[in-house]
Amino acid sequence: MVGFLLRTAVRPPTNPPALGSLEVGLQVDAGPEPRNPILRVPMAIIRAVGRTSRTVTEHSGQIGLLFWRVLGNLVRLQISYREVMAQIYVMGVQSVPIVIVTAVLAGIVTSQQGGYQFTGTIPLYVMGSIVTTSVVLELAPVLTAIVLVGRVGARITAELGTMEVSEQIDAFHSVGRDPIAALAAPRIIAGVIVLPILTAIAIIIGLYSGLVSARLTLGLGSEAFFYGARLFWHNWDMLYSLSKATAFGLAIPLISAHMGFRTSGGAAGVGKTTTSSVMFMTLTILILDALFPPIFLD
């Protein structure tokens, strides 16, 4: 009888908690909920802000480290320039048709909206200034970047994400190759080169499509259009636009490569990461676009 009681006392529990459940519990548990219901909403807001701040800080640090490694590979000449040229063709040459279509529509819409607003109150030659300023400073770089987010950024994230979940990135490490130098750096360098060129093409196409639209809808001649364009033109405007395009060209492949290397969870993980990457890149472009005027135009 005594032996039975001793064996019962020292018998381990039948279903011990798994280690994973303990880890999850430690990660999720953020302390007891406040008893006062008035404090629950502020505490939830504070926790959400904290989680968002931690995520942004984590991504920013990893993107900074990725950019530093790309610079190191570039300085040590460890990048395949043949791969850079291949990425320039894929990201640049193959993107020209959609960039042209976007620029044509941007110039037409700007001209038509300006003509609708200014008819009968302002001299029509001002339309040249409106179209030129809008296309050069804002529409051409931003719309071109948005187009490349969907066409190039999503593709880079999906490619690298698929390689990550299929362990092809691990294969690079196993044979002694740096996946940053082989995969990320050529795409980032190509993006910095390609986007200013595509933006310049979009500026030219957008201006001439705005000129044609103004002539057809308002009867504005080319001499009056270019007179208005020169009237408020600044020599800094083109450099400002190309500088903005260069920043966008760096941000798009850098973020997409970073998100691709973070992919996990199979095919579903690739889709989820690609969606998050497109959102991240679009938000970054809009933030950079908002930061440029107070820094460079004031």
C-alpha atoms as a PDB file:
ATOM      1  CA  MET A   1       0.000   0.000   0.000  1.00  0.00           C
ATOM      2  CA  VAL A   2       2.815   2.400   0.892  1.00  0.00           C
ATOM      3  CA  GLY A   3       4.673   1.578  -2.347  1.00  0.00           C
ATOM      4  CA  PHE A   4       1.544   2.278  -4.400  1.00  0.00           C
ATOM      5  CA  LEU A   5       1.130   5.685  -2.736  1.00  0.00           C
ATOM      6  CA  LEU A   6       4.789   6.569  -3.355  1.00  0.00           C
ATOM      7  CA  ARG A   7       4.569   5.617  -7.051  1.00  0.00           C
ATOM      8  CA  THR A   8       1.408   7.700  -7.418  1.00  0.00           C
ATOM      9  CA  ALA A   9       3.028  10.719  -5.759  1.00  0.00           C
ATOM     10  CA  VAL A  10       6.088  10.782  -8.046  1.00  0.00           C
ATOM     11  CA  ARG A  11       4.273   9.904 -11.280  1.00  0.00           C
ATOM     12  CA  PRO A  12       4.843  12.647 -13.939  1.00  0.00           C
ATOM     13  CA  PRO A  13       1.837  14.413 -15.467  1.00  0.00           C
ATOM     14  CA  THR A  14       0.286  12.607 -18.393  1.00  0.00           C
ATOM     15  CA  ASN A  15       0.252  15.634 -20.754  1.00  0.00           C
ATOM     16  CA  PRO A  16       3.165  17.970 -19.922  1.00  0.00           C
ATOM     17  CA  PRO A  17       3.070  21.326 -21.673  1.00  0.00           C
ATOM     18  CA  ALA A  18       5.151  21.480 -24.817  1.00  0.00           C
ATOM     19  CA  LEU A  19       8.163  23.751 -24.995  1.00  0.00           C
ATOM     20  CA  GLY A  20       6.705  25.588 -27.970  1.00  0.00           C
ATOM     21  CA  SER A  21       3.566  26.434 -26.042  1.00  0.00           C
ATOM     22  CA  LEU A  22       5.675  27.808 -23.202  1.00  0.00           C
ATOM     23  CA  GLU A  23       7.645  29.955 -25.610  1.00  0.00           C
ATOM     24  CA  VAL A  24       4.509  31.272 -27.251  1.00  0.00           C
ATOM     25  CA  GLY A  25       3.027  32.029 -23.876  1.00  0.00           C
ATOM     26  CA  LEU A  26       6.135  33.954 -22.870  1.00  0.00           C
ATOM     27  CA  GLN A  27       6.061  35.965 -26.094  1.00  0.00           C
ATOM     28  CA  VAL A  28       2.361  36.768 -26.043  1.00  0.00           C
ATOM     29  CA  ASP A  29       1.977  37.467 -22.325  1.00  0.00           C
ATOM     30  CA  ALA A  30       2.285  41.217 -21.873  1.00  0.00           C
ATOM     31  CA  GLY A  31       1.179  41.434 -18.262  1.00  0.00           C
ATOM     32  CA  PRO A  32      -2.202  41.391 -16.602  1.00  0.00           C
ATOM     33  CA  GLU A  33      -5.015  43.370 -18.114  1.00  0.00           C
ATOM     34  CA  PRO A  34      -5.898  46.527 -16.182  1.00  0.00           C
ATOM     35  CA  ARG A  35      -8.944  46.106 -13.999  1.00  0.00           C
ATOM     36  CA  ASN A  36     -10.235  49.561 -14.817  1.00  0.00           C
ATOM     37  CA  PRO A  37     -12.066  49.326 -18.176  1.00  0.00           C
ATOM     38  CA  ILE A  38     -11.196  52.955 -18.913  1.00  0.00           C
ATOM     39  CA  LEU A  39      -7.497  52.047 -19.063  1.00  0.00           C
ATOM     40  CA  ARG A  40      -7.905  49.139 -21.470  1.00  0.00           C
ATOM     41  CA  VAL A  41      -8.154  51.253 -24.620  1.00  0.00           C
ATOM     42  CA  PRO A  42      -5.082  53.443 -23.843  1.00  0.00           C
ATOM     43  CA  MET A  43      -3.077  50.346 -22.911  1.00  0.00           C
ATOM     44  CA  ALA A  44      -4.079  48.625 -26.155  1.00  0.00           C
ATOM     45  CA  ILE A  45      -3.017  51.718 -28.119  1.00  0.00           C
ATOM     46  CA  ILE A  46       0.331  51.848 -26.306  1.00  0.00           C
ATOM     47  CA  ARG A  47       0.958  48.170 -26.998  1.00  0.00           C
ATOM     48  CA  ALA A  48       0.085  48.594 -30.683  1.00  0.00           C
ATOM     49  CA  VAL A  49       2.431  51.575 -30.959  1.00  0.00           C
ATOM     50  CA  GLY A  50       5.158  49.576 -29.244  1.00  0.00           C
ATOM     51  CA  ARG A  51       4.749  46.594 -31.578  1.00  0.00           C
ATOM     52  CA  THR A  52       4.747  48.870 -34.637  1.00  0.00           C
ATOM     53  CA  SER A  53       7.832  50.743 -33.425  1.00  0.00           C
ATOM     54  CA  ARG A  54       9.663  47.482 -32.810  1.00  0.00           C
ATOM     55  CA  THR A  55       8.764  46.188 -36.283  1.00  0.00           C
ATOM     56  CA  VAL A  56       9.833  49.418 -38.002  1.00  0.00           C
ATOM     57  CA  THR A  57      13.102  49.489 -36.057  1.00  0.00           C
ATOM     58  CA  GLU A  58      13.810  45.851 -36.897  1.00  0.00           C
ATOM     59  CA  HIS A  59      13.175  46.360 -40.610  1.00  0.00           C
ATOM     60  CA  SER A  60      15.192  49.587 -40.691  1.00  0.00           C
ATOM     61  CA  GLY A  61      18.184  47.938 -39.038  1.00  0.00           C
ATOM     62  CA  GLN A  62      18.124  44.951 -41.365  1.00  0.00           C
ATOM     63  CA  ILE A  63      17.753  47.169 -44.445  1.00  0.00           C
ATOM     64  CA  GLY A  64      20.681  49.266 -43.260  1.00  0.00           C
ATOM     65  CA  LEU A  65      22.829  46.166 -42.816  1.00  0.00           C
ATOM     66  CA  LEU A  66      21.814  44.913 -46.270  1.00  0.00           C
ATOM     67  CA  PHE A  67      22.742  48.241 -47.850  1.00  0.00           C
ATOM     68  CA  TRP A  68      26.104  48.223 -46.034  1.00  0.00           C
ATOM     69  CA  ARG A  69      26.891  44.732 -47.317  1.00  0.00           C
ATOM     70  CA  VAL A  70      25.968  45.751 -50.858  1.00  0.00           C
ATOM     71  CA  LEU A  71      28.327  48.728 -50.593  1.00  0.00           C
ATOM     72  CA  GLY A  72      31.079  46.423 -49.341  1.00  0.00           C
ATOM     73  CA  ASN A  73      30.592  44.054 -52.252  1.00  0.00           C
ATOM     74  CA  LEU A  74      30.617  46.979 -54.663  1.00  0.00           C
ATOM     75  CA  VAL A  75      33.844  48.400 -53.263  1.00  0.00           C
ATOM     76  CA  ARG A  76      35.546  44.995 -53.345  1.00  0.00           C
ATOM     77  CA  LEU A  77      34.314  44.437 -56.931  1.00  0.00           C
ATOM     78  CA  GLN A  78      32.592  41.177 -56.010  1.00  0.00           C
ATOM     79  CA  ILE A  79      29.523  41.869 -58.160  1.00  0.00           C
ATOM     80  CA  SER A  80      28.907  40.290 -61.538  1.00  0.00           C
ATOM     81  CA  TYR A  81      28.491  43.163 -63.972  1.00  0.00           C
ATOM     82  CA  ARG A  82      27.006  40.779 -66.507  1.00  0.00           C
ATOM     83  CA  GLU A  83      24.214  40.128 -64.003  1.00  0.00           C
ATOM     84  CA  VAL A  84      23.846  43.887 -63.498  1.00  0.00           C
ATOM     85  CA  MET A  85      23.364  44.365 -67.236  1.00  0.00           C
ATOM     86  CA  ALA A  86      20.825  41.538 -67.302  1.00  0.00           C
ATOM     87  CA  GLN A  87      18.860  43.187 -64.507  1.00  0.00           C
ATOM     88  CA  ILE A  88      19.042  46.565 -66.271  1.00  0.00           C
ATOM     89  CA  TYR A  89      17.434  44.947 -69.297  1.00  0.00           C
ATOM     90  CA  VAL A  90      14.719  43.245 -67.247  1.00  0.00           C
ATOM     91  CA  MET A  91      13.982  46.236 -65.002  1.00  0.00           C
ATOM     92  CA  GLY A  92      14.563  48.999 -67.521  1.00  0.00           C
ATOM     93  CA  VAL A  93      14.062  48.027 -71.144  1.00  0.00           C
ATOM     94  CA  GLN A  94      11.091  45.787 -70.476  1.00  0.00           C
ATOM     95  CA  SER A  95       9.455  48.508 -68.366  1.00  0.00           C
ATOM     96  CA  VAL A  96       9.573  51.187 -71.074  1.00  0.00           C
ATOM     97  CA  PRO A  97       6.129  50.428 -72.621  1.00  0.00           C
ATOM     98  CA  ILE A  98       4.183  50.683 -69.357  1.00  0.00           C
ATOM     99  CA  VAL A  99       6.150  53.813 -68.375  1.00  0.00           C
ATOM    100  CA  ILE A 100       5.262  55.438 -71.718  1.00  0.00           C
ATOM    101  CA  VAL A 101       1.568  54.628 -71.294  1.00  0.00           C
ATOM    102  CA  THR A 102       1.586  56.028 -67.753  1.00  0.00           C
ATOM    103  CA  ALA A 103       3.382  59.220 -68.843  1.00  0.00           C
ATOM    104  CA  VAL A 104       0.993  59.807 -71.753  1.00  0.00           C
ATOM    105  CA  LEU A 105      -2.029  59.518 -69.498  1.00  0.00           C
ATOM    106  CA  ALA A 106      -0.426  61.743 -66.841  1.00  0.00           C
ATOM    107  CA  GLY A 107       0.257  64.507 -69.360  1.00  0.00           C
ATOM    108  CA  ILE A 108      -3.232  64.315 -70.882  1.00  0.00           C
ATOM    109  CA  VAL A 109      -5.035  64.360 -67.529  1.00  0.00           C
ATOM    110  CA  THR A 110      -2.939  67.256 -66.203  1.00  0.00           C
ATOM    111  CA  SER A 111      -3.574  69.312 -69.322  1.00  0.00           C
ATOM    112  CA  GLN A 112      -7.303  68.638 -69.384  1.00  0.00           C
ATOM    113  CA  GLN A 113      -7.796  69.334 -65.678  1.00  0.00           C
ATOM    114  CA  GLY A 114      -5.772  72.532 -65.880  1.00  0.00           C
ATOM    115  CA  GLY A 115      -7.690  73.716 -68.929  1.00  0.00           C
ATOM    116  CA  TYR A 116     -10.977  73.073 -67.145  1.00  0.00           C
ATOM    117  CA  GLN A 117      -9.898  75.143 -64.143  1.00  0.00           C
ATOM    118  CA  PHE A 118      -8.240  78.067 -65.943  1.00  0.00           C
ATOM    119  CA  THR A 119     -10.473  78.661 -68.960  1.00  0.00           C
ATOM    120  CA  GLY A 120     -11.543  82.324 -69.116  1.00  0.00           C
ATOM    121  CA  THR A 121      -9.699  83.481 -65.991  1.00  0.00           C
ATOM    122  CA  ILE A 122      -5.956  82.952 -66.581  1.00  0.00           C
ATOM    123  CA  PRO A 123      -3.902  83.259 -69.791  1.00  0.00           C
ATOM    124  CA  LEU A 124      -3.703  79.920 -71.544  1.00  0.00           C
ATOM    125  CA  TYR A 125       0.083  79.960 -71.791  1.00  0.00           C
ATOM    126  CA  VAL A 126       0.164  79.307 -68.048  1.00  0.00           C
ATOM    127  CA  MET A 127      -0.964  75.805 -68.969  1.00  0.00           C
ATOM    128  CA  GLY A 128       2.572  75.127 -70.189  1.00  0.00           C
ATOM    129  CA  SER A 129       3.941  75.943 -66.751  1.00  0.00           C
ATOM    130  CA  ILE A 130       1.299  73.849 -64.977  1.00  0.00           C
ATOM    131  CA  VAL A 131       1.947  70.762 -67.095  1.00  0.00           C
ATOM    132  CA  THR A 132       5.721  71.134 -66.977  1.00  0.00           C
ATOM    133  CA  THR A 133       5.922  71.673 -63.225  1.00  0.00           C
ATOM    134  CA  SER A 134       3.480  68.878 -62.415  1.00  0.00           C
ATOM    135  CA  VAL A 135       5.089  66.326 -64.706  1.00  0.00           C
ATOM    136  CA  VAL A 136       8.721  67.136 -63.955  1.00  0.00           C
ATOM    137  CA  LEU A 137       8.564  67.618 -60.198  1.00  0.00           C
ATOM    138  CA  GLU A 138       5.907  65.117 -59.190  1.00  0.00           C
ATOM    139  CA  LEU A 139       4.071  62.918 -61.662  1.00  0.00           C
ATOM    140  CA  ALA A 140       6.952  61.479 -63.688  1.00  0.00           C
ATOM    141  CA  PRO A 141       9.158  60.255 -60.798  1.00  0.00           C
ATOM    142  CA  VAL A 142       6.336  59.153 -58.500  1.00  0.00           C
ATOM    143  CA  LEU A 143       4.187  57.356 -61.090  1.00  0.00           C
ATOM    144  CA  THR A 144       7.228  55.682 -62.620  1.00  0.00           C
ATOM    145  CA  ALA A 145       8.268  54.454 -59.175  1.00  0.00           C
ATOM    146  CA  ILE A 146       4.765  53.161 -58.446  1.00  0.00           C
ATOM    147  CA  VAL A 147       4.782  51.279 -61.749  1.00  0.00           C
ATOM    148  CA  LEU A 148       8.127  49.696 -60.911  1.00  0.00           C
ATOM    149  CA  VAL A 149       6.875  48.695 -57.457  1.00  0.00           C
ATOM    150  CA  GLY A 150       4.275  46.467 -59.063  1.00  0.00           C
ATOM    151  CA  ARG A 151       6.342  45.273 -61.986  1.00  0.00           C
ATOM    152  CA  VAL A 152       9.838  44.980 -60.509  1.00  0.00           C
ATOM    153  CA  GLY A 153       9.616  45.131 -56.721  1.00  0.00           C
ATOM    154  CA  ALA A 154       7.003  42.400 -56.407  1.00  0.00           C
ATOM    155  CA  ARG A 155       8.951  40.193 -58.829  1.00  0.00           C
ATOM    156  CA  ILE A 156      12.194  40.550 -56.842  1.00  0.00           C
ATOM    157  CA  THR A 157      10.461  39.700 -53.570  1.00  0.00           C
ATOM    158  CA  ALA A 158       8.716  36.691 -55.091  1.00  0.00           C
ATOM    159  CA  GLU A 159      11.932  35.418 -56.718  1.00  0.00           C
ATOM    160  CA  LEU A 160      14.108  35.729 -53.619  1.00  0.00           C
ATOM    161  CA  GLY A 161      11.292  34.518 -51.378  1.00  0.00           C
ATOM    162  CA  THR A 162      10.847  31.383 -53.450  1.00  0.00           C
ATOM    163  CA  MET A 163      14.590  30.765 -53.351  1.00  0.00           C
ATOM    164  CA  GLU A 164      14.550  31.231 -49.572  1.00  0.00           C
ATOM    165  CA  VAL A 165      11.729  28.790 -48.838  1.00  0.00           C
ATOM    166  CA  SER A 166      13.142  26.218 -51.295  1.00  0.00           C
ATOM    167  CA  GLU A 167      16.557  26.421 -49.572  1.00  0.00           C
ATOM    168  CA  GLN A 168      18.347  27.726 -52.654  1.00  0.00           C
ATOM    169  CA  ILE A 169      19.787  30.557 -50.540  1.00  0.00           C
ATOM    170  CA  ASP A 170      21.276  27.935 -48.222  1.00  0.00           C
ATOM    171  CA  ALA A 171      22.821  26.306 -51.282  1.00  0.00           C
ATOM    172  CA  PHE A 172      24.680  29.555 -52.022  1.00  0.00           C
ATOM    173  CA  HIS A 173      26.144  29.472 -48.518  1.00  0.00           C
ATOM    174  CA  SER A 174      27.071  25.795 -48.821  1.00  0.00           C
ATOM    175  CA  VAL A 175      29.202  26.415 -51.926  1.00  0.00           C
ATOM    176  CA  GLY A 176      30.839  29.489 -50.424  1.00  0.00           C
ATOM    177  CA  ARG A 177      28.990  32.180 -52.398  1.00  0.00           C
ATOM    178  CA  ASP A 178      27.497  35.309 -50.881  1.00  0.00           C
ATOM    179  CA  PRO A 179      23.786  35.566 -51.845  1.00  0.00           C
ATOM    180  CA  ILE A 180      23.911  39.316 -51.234  1.00  0.00           C
ATOM    181  CA  ALA A 181      26.608  39.777 -53.875  1.00  0.00           C
ATOM    182  CA  ALA A 182      25.045  37.287 -56.279  1.00  0.00           C
ATOM    183  CA  LEU A 183      21.347  38.175 -55.970  1.00  0.00           C
ATOM    184  CA  ALA A 184      20.655  41.437 -54.129  1.00  0.00           C
ATOM    185  CA  ALA A 185      23.493  43.727 -55.219  1.00  0.00           C
ATOM    186  CA  PRO A 186      22.946  43.464 -59.015  1.00  0.00           C
ATOM    187  CA  ARG A 187      19.254  44.255 -58.610  1.00  0.00           C
ATOM    188  CA  ILE A 188      19.896  47.233 -56.333  1.00  0.00           C
ATOM    189  CA  ILE A 189      22.563  48.702 -58.622  1.00  0.00           C
ATOM    190  CA  ALA A 190      20.329  48.194 -61.655  1.00  0.00           C
ATOM    191  CA  GLY A 191      17.451  49.951 -59.893  1.00  0.00           C
ATOM    192  CA  VAL A 192      19.584  52.999 -59.109  1.00  0.00           C
ATOM    193  CA  ILE A 193      20.664  53.205 -62.755  1.00  0.00           C
ATOM    194  CA  VAL A 194      17.331  52.428 -64.397  1.00  0.00           C
ATOM    195  CA  LEU A 195      14.798  54.565 -62.556  1.00  0.00           C
ATOM    196  CA  PRO A 196      16.326  57.998 -63.385  1.00  0.00           C
ATOM    197  CA  ILE A 197      16.473  56.992 -67.061  1.00  0.00           C
ATOM    198  CA  LEU A 198      12.858  55.854 -67.051  1.00  0.00           C
ATOM    199  CA  THR A 199      11.874  59.061 -65.276  1.00  0.00           C
ATOM    200  CA  ALA A 200      13.586  61.163 -67.953  1.00  0.00           C
ATOM    201  CA  ILE A 201      11.668  59.229 -70.620  1.00  0.00           C
ATOM    202  CA  ALA A 202       8.432  59.775 -68.703  1.00  0.00           C
ATOM    203  CA  ILE A 203       9.119  63.526 -68.468  1.00  0.00           C
ATOM    204  CA  ILE A 204       9.628  63.873 -72.227  1.00  0.00           C
ATOM    205  CA  ILE A 205       6.576  61.784 -73.097  1.00  0.00           C
ATOM    206  CA  GLY A 206       4.416  63.504 -70.478  1.00  0.00           C
ATOM    207  CA  LEU A 207       5.312  67.000 -71.683  1.00  0.00           C
ATOM    208  CA  TYR A 208       4.588  66.252 -75.310  1.00  0.00           C
ATOM    209  CA  SER A 209       1.349  64.446 -74.530  1.00  0.00           C
ATOM    210  CA  GLY A 210       0.296  67.471 -72.440  1.00  0.00           C
ATOM    211  CA  LEU A 211       1.210  69.747 -75.363  1.00  0.00           C
ATOM    212  CA  VAL A 212      -0.872  67.707 -77.810  1.00  0.00           C
ATOM    213  CA  SER A 213      -3.800  67.582 -75.400  1.00  0.00           C
ATOM    214  CA  ALA A 214      -3.650  71.357 -74.835  1.00  0.00           C
ATOM    215  CA  ARG A 215      -3.632  71.974 -78.580  1.00  0.00           C
ATOM    216  CA  LEU A 216      -6.576  69.679 -79.237  1.00  0.00           C
ATOM    217  CA  THR A 217      -8.777  70.751 -76.301  1.00  0.00           C
ATOM    218  CA  LEU A 218      -7.792  74.387 -75.744  1.00  0.00           C
ATOM    219  CA  GLY A 219      -6.310  75.442 -79.058  1.00  0.00           C
ATOM    220  CA  LEU A 220      -3.035  76.347 -77.346  1.00  0.00           C
ATOM    221  CA  GLY A 221      -0.118  76.502 -79.766  1.00  0.00           C
ATOM    222  CA  SER A 222       3.281  75.014 -79.108  1.00  0.00           C
ATOM    223  CA  GLU A 223       4.917  78.473 -78.935  1.00  0.00           C
ATOM    224  CA  ALA A 224       2.573  79.612 -76.170  1.00  0.00           C
ATOM    225  CA  PHE A 225       2.910  76.286 -74.362  1.00  0.00           C
ATOM    226  CA  PHE A 226       6.709  76.411 -74.269  1.00  0.00           C
ATOM    227  CA  TYR A 227       6.619  80.121 -73.413  1.00  0.00           C
ATOM    228  CA  GLY A 228       4.625  79.286 -70.304  1.00  0.00           C
ATOM    229  CA  ALA A 229       6.929  76.350 -69.556  1.00  0.00           C
ATOM    230  CA  ARG A 230      10.012  78.613 -69.662  1.00  0.00           C
ATOM    231  CA  LEU A 231       8.324  81.362 -67.685  1.00  0.00           C
ATOM    232  CA  PHE A 232       8.402  79.515 -64.346  1.00  0.00           C
ATOM    233  CA  TRP A 233      11.181  77.025 -65.064  1.00  0.00           C
ATOM    234  CA  HIS A 234      14.110  76.626 -62.661  1.00  0.00           C
ATOM    235  CA  ASN A 235      17.363  74.966 -63.583  1.00  0.00           C
ATOM    236  CA  TRP A 236      17.186  72.959 -60.343  1.00  0.00           C
ATOM    237  CA  ASP A 237      13.886  71.313 -61.296  1.00  0.00           C
ATOM    238  CA  MET A 238      15.331  68.577 -63.510  1.00  0.00           C
ATOM    239  CA  LEU A 239      18.076  67.719 -61.039  1.00  0.00           C
ATOM    240  CA  TYR A 240      15.493  67.600 -58.270  1.00  0.00           C
ATOM    241  CA  SER A 241      13.325  65.181 -60.245  1.00  0.00           C
ATOM    242  CA  LEU A 242      16.222  62.874 -61.127  1.00  0.00           C
ATOM    243  CA  SER A 243      17.475  62.947 -57.525  1.00  0.00           C
ATOM    244  CA  LYS A 244      14.041  61.874 -56.352  1.00  0.00           C
ATOM    245  CA  ALA A 245      14.029  59.099 -58.962  1.00  0.00           C
ATOM    246  CA  THR A 246      17.460  57.918 -57.776  1.00  0.00           C
ATOM    247  CA  ALA A 247      16.195  57.666 -54.190  1.00  0.00           C
ATOM    248  CA  PHE A 248      13.178  55.697 -55.379  1.00  0.00           C
ATOM    249  CA  GLY A 249      15.411  53.463 -57.502  1.00  0.00           C
ATOM    250  CA  LEU A 250      17.451  52.613 -54.418  1.00  0.00           C
ATOM    251  CA  ALA A 251      14.482  52.060 -52.110  1.00  0.00           C
ATOM    252  CA  ILE A 252      12.465  49.721 -54.347  1.00  0.00           C
ATOM    253  CA  PRO A 253      15.004  46.902 -54.929  1.00  0.00           C
ATOM    254  CA  LEU A 254      16.535  47.339 -51.462  1.00  0.00           C
ATOM    255  CA  ILE A 255      13.204  46.798 -49.694  1.00  0.00           C
ATOM    256  CA  SER A 256      12.095  44.048 -52.058  1.00  0.00           C
ATOM    257  CA  ALA A 257      15.363  42.133 -51.595  1.00  0.00           C
ATOM    258  CA  HIS A 258      15.167  42.572 -47.827  1.00  0.00           C
ATOM    259  CA  MET A 259      11.618  41.227 -47.731  1.00  0.00           C
ATOM    260  CA  GLY A 260      12.526  38.340 -50.029  1.00  0.00           C
ATOM    261  CA  PHE A 261      15.317  37.172 -47.719  1.00  0.00           C
ATOM    262  CA  ARG A 262      12.888  37.260 -44.765  1.00  0.00           C
ATOM    263  CA  THR A 263      10.357  34.945 -46.422  1.00  0.00           C
ATOM    264  CA  SER A 264       9.284  31.764 -44.658  1.00  0.00           C
ATOM    265  CA  GLY A 265       6.313  29.423 -44.674  1.00  0.00           C
ATOM    266  CA  GLY A 266       6.233  27.962 -48.174  1.00  0.00           C
ATOM    267  CA  ALA A 267       4.030  29.236 -51.005  1.00  0.00           C
ATOM    268  CA  ALA A 268       1.628  30.982 -48.642  1.00  0.00           C
ATOM    269  CA  GLY A 269       4.562  32.758 -47.028  1.00  0.00           C
ATOM    270  CA  VAL A 270       5.814  33.954 -50.421  1.00  0.00           C
ATOM    271  CA  GLY A 271       2.417  35.456 -51.238  1.00  0.00           C
ATOM    272  CA  LYS A 272       2.099  37.105 -47.841  1.00  0.00           C
ATOM    273  CA  THR A 273       5.613  38.553 -47.982  1.00  0.00           C
ATOM    274  CA  THR A 274       5.113  39.859 -51.517  1.00  0.00           C
ATOM    275  CA  THR A 275       1.931  41.644 -50.490  1.00  0.00           C
ATOM    276  CA  SER A 276       3.653  43.180 -47.460  1.00  0.00           C
ATOM    277  CA  SER A 277       6.609  44.183 -49.633  1.00  0.00           C
ATOM    278  CA  VAL A 278       4.421  46.053 -52.140  1.00  0.00           C
ATOM    279  CA  MET A 279       2.690  47.900 -49.318  1.00  0.00           C
ATOM    280  CA  PHE A 280       6.034  48.691 -47.657  1.00  0.00           C
ATOM    281  CA  MET A 281       7.573  49.998 -50.901  1.00  0.00           C
ATOM    282  CA  THR A 282       4.553  52.128 -51.797  1.00  0.00           C
ATOM    283  CA  LEU A 283       4.460  53.691 -48.346  1.00  0.00           C
ATOM    284  CA  THR A 284       8.210  54.354 -48.483  1.00  0.00           C
ATOM    285  CA  ILE A 285       7.904  56.106 -51.848  1.00  0.00           C
ATOM    286  CA  LEU A 286       5.133  58.362 -50.553  1.00  0.00           C
ATOM    287  CA  ILE A 287       7.130  59.200 -47.412  1.00  0.00           C
ATOM    288  CA  LEU A 288      10.247  60.021 -49.435  1.00  0.00           C
ATOM    289  CA  ASP A 289       8.144  62.101 -51.818  1.00  0.00           C
ATOM    290  CA  ALA A 290       6.801  64.088 -48.867  1.00  0.00           C
ATOM    291  CA  LEU A 291      10.299  64.620 -47.442  1.00  0.00           C
ATOM    292  CA  PHE A 292      11.906  65.924 -50.639  1.00  0.00           C
ATOM    293  CA  PRO A 293      10.173  69.349 -50.943  1.00  0.00           C
ATOM    294  CA  PRO A 294      11.014  70.670 -47.437  1.00  0.00           C
ATOM    295  CA  ILE A 295      14.593  69.398 -47.720  1.00  0.00           C
ATOM    296  CA  PHE A 296      15.501  70.403 -51.281  1.00  0.00           C
ATOM    297  CA  LEU A 297      13.011  73.061 -52.407  1.00  0.00           C
ATOM    298  CA  ASP A 298      12.822  75.377 -49.372  1.00  0.00           C
END
